C-alpha atoms as a PDB file:
ATOM      1  CA  MET A   1       4.473  21.740  14.916  1.00  0.00           C
ATOM      2  CA  VAL A   2       5.723  23.205  11.900  1.00  0.00           C
ATOM      3  CA  SER A   3       8.530  24.947  11.703  1.00  0.00           C
ATOM      4  CA  LEU A   4       8.958  28.615  10.371  1.00  0.00           C
ATOM      5  CA  CYS A   5      12.523  27.590   8.435  1.00  0.00           C
ATOM      6  CA  GLY A   6      13.306  27.617   5.557  1.00  0.00           C
ATOM      7  CA  ASP A   7      12.559  24.124   4.630  1.00  0.00           C
ATOM      8  CA  THR A   8      10.609  23.555   1.541  1.00  0.00           C
ATOM      9  CA  LEU A   9       8.277  20.907   2.750  1.00  0.00           C
ATOM     10  CA  ALA A  10       7.448  22.529   6.043  1.00  0.00           C
ATOM     11  CA  GLN A  11       6.874  25.814   4.402  1.00  0.00           C
ATOM     12  CA  HIS A  12       4.685  24.193   1.475  1.00  0.00           C
ATOM     13  CA  GLU A  13       2.721  22.659   4.404  1.00  0.00           C
ATOM     14  CA  LEU A  14       2.493  25.885   6.571  1.00  0.00           C
ATOM     15  CA  ALA A  15       1.125  27.871   3.764  1.00  0.00           C
ATOM     16  CA  GLY A  16      -1.537  25.033   2.273  1.00  0.00           C
ATOM     17  CA  PHE A  17       0.580  24.244  -0.908  1.00  0.00           C
ATOM     18  CA  LYS A  18       1.070  20.543  -1.780  1.00  0.00           C
ATOM     19  CA  GLU A  19       4.093  19.095  -0.008  1.00  0.00           C
ATOM     20  CA  GLY A  20       5.293  16.842  -2.047  1.00  0.00           C
ATOM     21  CA  VAL A  21       5.595  19.240  -5.400  1.00  0.00           C
ATOM     22  CA  GLY A  22       5.676  15.891  -7.449  1.00  0.00           C
ATOM     23  CA  PHE A  23       1.947  16.073  -6.799  1.00  0.00           C
ATOM     24  CA  ALA A  24       0.846  19.405  -8.328  1.00  0.00           C
ATOM     25  CA  TYR A  25       1.194  20.601 -11.663  1.00  0.00           C
ATOM     26  CA  SER A  26       1.910  24.136 -10.337  1.00  0.00           C
ATOM     27  CA  LYS A  27       5.067  23.382  -7.881  1.00  0.00           C
ATOM     28  CA  CYS A  28       6.217  26.744  -7.279  1.00  0.00           C
ATOM     29  CA  ARG A  29       4.669  28.862  -4.272  1.00  0.00           C
ATOM     30  CA  HIS A  30       5.778  32.131  -6.154  1.00  0.00           C
ATOM     31  CA  CYS A  31       5.009  31.278  -9.746  1.00  0.00           C
ATOM     32  CA  GLU A  32       2.711  29.250 -11.507  1.00  0.00           C
ATOM     33  CA  CYS A  33       5.260  27.564 -14.059  1.00  0.00           C
ATOM     34  CA  TYR A  34       4.843  23.623 -14.759  1.00  0.00           C
ATOM     35  CA  PHE A  35       7.770  21.293 -14.522  1.00  0.00           C
ATOM     36  CA  GLU A  36       8.768  20.656 -17.523  1.00  0.00           C
ATOM     37  CA  ASP A  37       9.122  25.039 -18.254  1.00  0.00           C
ATOM     38  CA  MET A  38      11.003  25.165 -15.238  1.00  0.00           C
ATOM     39  CA  GLN A  39      13.699  22.518 -16.629  1.00  0.00           C
ATOM     40  CA  SER A  40      13.989  24.825 -19.474  1.00  0.00           C
ATOM     41  CA  GLN A  41      13.039  28.424 -19.121  1.00  0.00           C
ATOM     42  CA  PHE A  42      15.023  30.101 -16.122  1.00  0.00           C
ATOM     43  CA  ASN A  43      13.940  33.568 -16.911  1.00  0.00           C
ATOM     44  CA  GLU A  44      11.122  34.716 -14.267  1.00  0.00           C
ATOM     45  CA  ASP A  45       9.436  37.042 -16.687  1.00  0.00           C
ATOM     46  CA  ALA A  46       8.554  33.733 -18.607  1.00  0.00           C
ATOM     47  CA  TYR A  47       5.931  32.891 -15.787  1.00  0.00           C
ATOM     48  CA  THR A  48       3.103  34.411 -14.232  1.00  0.00           C
ATOM     49  CA  LYS A  49       3.332  35.283 -10.902  1.00  0.00           C
ATOM     50  CA  ARG A  50       1.112  33.943  -8.132  1.00  0.00           C
ATOM     51  CA  THR A  51      -0.554  36.929  -6.211  1.00  0.00           C
ATOM     52  CA  LEU A  52      -1.923  36.621  -2.462  1.00  0.00           C
ATOM     53  CA  GLU A  53      -5.195  38.015  -4.153  1.00  0.00           C
ATOM     54  CA  LYS A  54      -5.118  34.985  -7.074  1.00  0.00           C
ATOM     55  CA  HIS A  55      -4.016  32.143  -4.226  1.00  0.00           C
ATOM     56  CA  VAL A  56      -7.654  33.037  -2.224  1.00  0.00           C
ATOM     57  CA  ARG A  57      -9.522  33.035  -5.275  1.00  0.00           C
ATOM     58  CA  GLN A  58      -8.014  29.537  -6.297  1.00  0.00           C
ATOM     59  CA  CYS A  59      -8.471  28.483  -2.372  1.00  0.00           C
ATOM     60  CA  ASP A  60     -12.273  29.627  -2.723  1.00  0.00           C
ATOM     61  CA  GLU A  61     -12.643  27.727  -6.093  1.00  0.00           C
ATOM     62  CA  ILE A  62     -11.182  24.294  -4.305  1.00  0.00           C
ATOM     63  CA  GLU A  63     -13.221  25.037  -1.265  1.00  0.00           C
ATOM     64  CA  LYS A  64     -16.432  25.349  -3.556  1.00  0.00           C
ATOM     65  CA  ALA A  65     -15.808  22.165  -5.796  1.00  0.00           C
ATOM     66  CA  ASN A  66     -19.336  20.297  -5.950  1.00  0.00           C
ATOM     67  CA  THR A  67     -17.391  16.980  -6.050  1.00  0.00           C
ATOM     68  CA  ASP A  68     -13.982  15.279  -4.372  1.00  0.00           C
ATOM     69  CA  LEU A  69     -13.043  14.434  -8.042  1.00  0.00           C
ATOM     70  CA  HIS A  70     -13.381  18.105  -8.935  1.00  0.00           C
ATOM     71  CA  ARG A  71     -11.811  19.569  -5.862  1.00  0.00           C
ATOM     72  CA  ASN A  72      -8.592  17.037  -6.166  1.00  0.00           C
ATOM     73  CA  SER A  73      -8.319  18.148  -9.430  1.00  0.00           C
ATOM     74  CA  LEU A  74      -8.152  21.974  -8.946  1.00  0.00           C
ATOM     75  CA  ARG A  75      -5.447  21.277  -5.700  1.00  0.00           C
ATOM     76  CA  THR A  76      -3.226  19.170  -8.494  1.00  0.00           C
ATOM     77  CA  THR A  77      -3.633  22.066 -11.075  1.00  0.00           C
ATOM     78  CA  TYR A  78      -2.994  24.907  -8.384  1.00  0.00           C
ATOM     79  CA  GLY A  79      -0.565  22.966  -6.127  1.00  0.00           C
ATOM     80  CA  ILE A  80      -2.833  24.095  -3.429  1.00  0.00           C
ATOM     81  CA  ASN A  81      -3.895  21.396  -0.553  1.00  0.00           C
ATOM     82  CA  ARG A  82      -6.076  24.017   1.488  1.00  0.00           C
ATOM     83  CA  ARG A  83      -6.509  27.287   2.646  1.00  0.00           C
ATOM     84  CA  SER A  84      -3.804  28.038   5.100  1.00  0.00           C
ATOM     85  CA  LYS A  85      -4.404  30.198   8.349  1.00  0.00           C
ATOM     86  CA  LEU A  86      -1.688  32.590   7.628  1.00  0.00           C
ATOM     87  CA  VAL A  87      -3.815  33.868   4.994  1.00  0.00           C
ATOM     88  CA  GLU A  88      -6.176  35.697   7.865  1.00  0.00           C
ATOM     89  CA  PHE A  89      -3.012  37.653   9.218  1.00  0.00           C
ATOM     90  CA  PRO A  90      -2.920  40.955   8.432  1.00  0.00           C
ATOM     91  CA  SER A  91      -0.720  42.777   6.575  1.00  0.00           C
ATOM     92  CA  PHE A  92       0.832  39.136   5.999  1.00  0.00           C
ATOM     93  CA  ASP A  93       1.516  37.879   2.180  1.00  0.00           C
ATOM     94  CA  ILE A  94       1.842  34.181   2.100  1.00  0.00           C
ATOM     95  CA  ILE A  95       3.153  34.547  -1.323  1.00  0.00           C
ATOM     96  CA  GLN A  96       5.490  37.005  -0.624  1.00  0.00           C
ATOM     97  CA  GLN A  97       6.886  36.398   3.000  1.00  0.00           C
ATOM     98  CA  THR A  98       7.488  32.364   2.648  1.00  0.00           C
ATOM     99  CA  LEU A  99      11.166  31.894   2.893  1.00  0.00           C
ATOM    100  CA  GLN A 100      12.891  29.727   0.279  1.00  0.00           C
ATOM    101  CA  ASP A 101      15.166  26.639   1.295  1.00  0.00           C
ATOM    102  CA  ILE A 102      18.329  27.315   0.536  1.00  0.00           C
ATOM    103  CA  MET A 103      19.622  23.754  -0.025  1.00  0.00           C
ATOM    104  CA  HIS A 104      17.036  22.847  -2.473  1.00  0.00           C
ATOM    105  CA  VAL A 105      16.090  26.024  -3.980  1.00  0.00           C
ATOM    106  CA  ILE A 106      19.547  27.828  -4.346  1.00  0.00           C
ATOM    107  CA  LEU A 107      22.038  24.955  -3.662  1.00  0.00           C
ATOM    108  CA  GLU A 108      20.524  22.483  -6.042  1.00  0.00           C
ATOM    109  CA  GLY A 109      18.715  24.594  -8.144  1.00  0.00           C
ATOM    110  CA  ILE A 110      19.801  28.059  -9.334  1.00  0.00           C
ATOM    111  CA  ALA A 111      23.420  27.817  -8.481  1.00  0.00           C
ATOM    112  CA  PRO A 112      24.250  24.316 -10.749  1.00  0.00           C
ATOM    113  CA  LEU A 113      22.953  25.987 -13.474  1.00  0.00           C
END
């Protein structure tokens, strides 16, 4: 069972994103930045923010892909494995309401910079 704690891998699995962020071009649950950019650009205004509406469209596109190759390519591009059941919860925004992992995001990511 997946915990609702702030652990990044658990949050990604629960939300349907790639659990191993090394397997996606867009690695963040909150924006569509690429790894190379996130290493050098630290202003959130430089990135396109994810929205629930766009996330649902990307899930639709993945589900409607004609071939496994195309489906896997979209999953890698969007950083999404599957549509999460959380998307069906009324008044729950999977993009805005999933927790951040304080150790990985804050202590190992933002704080040292």
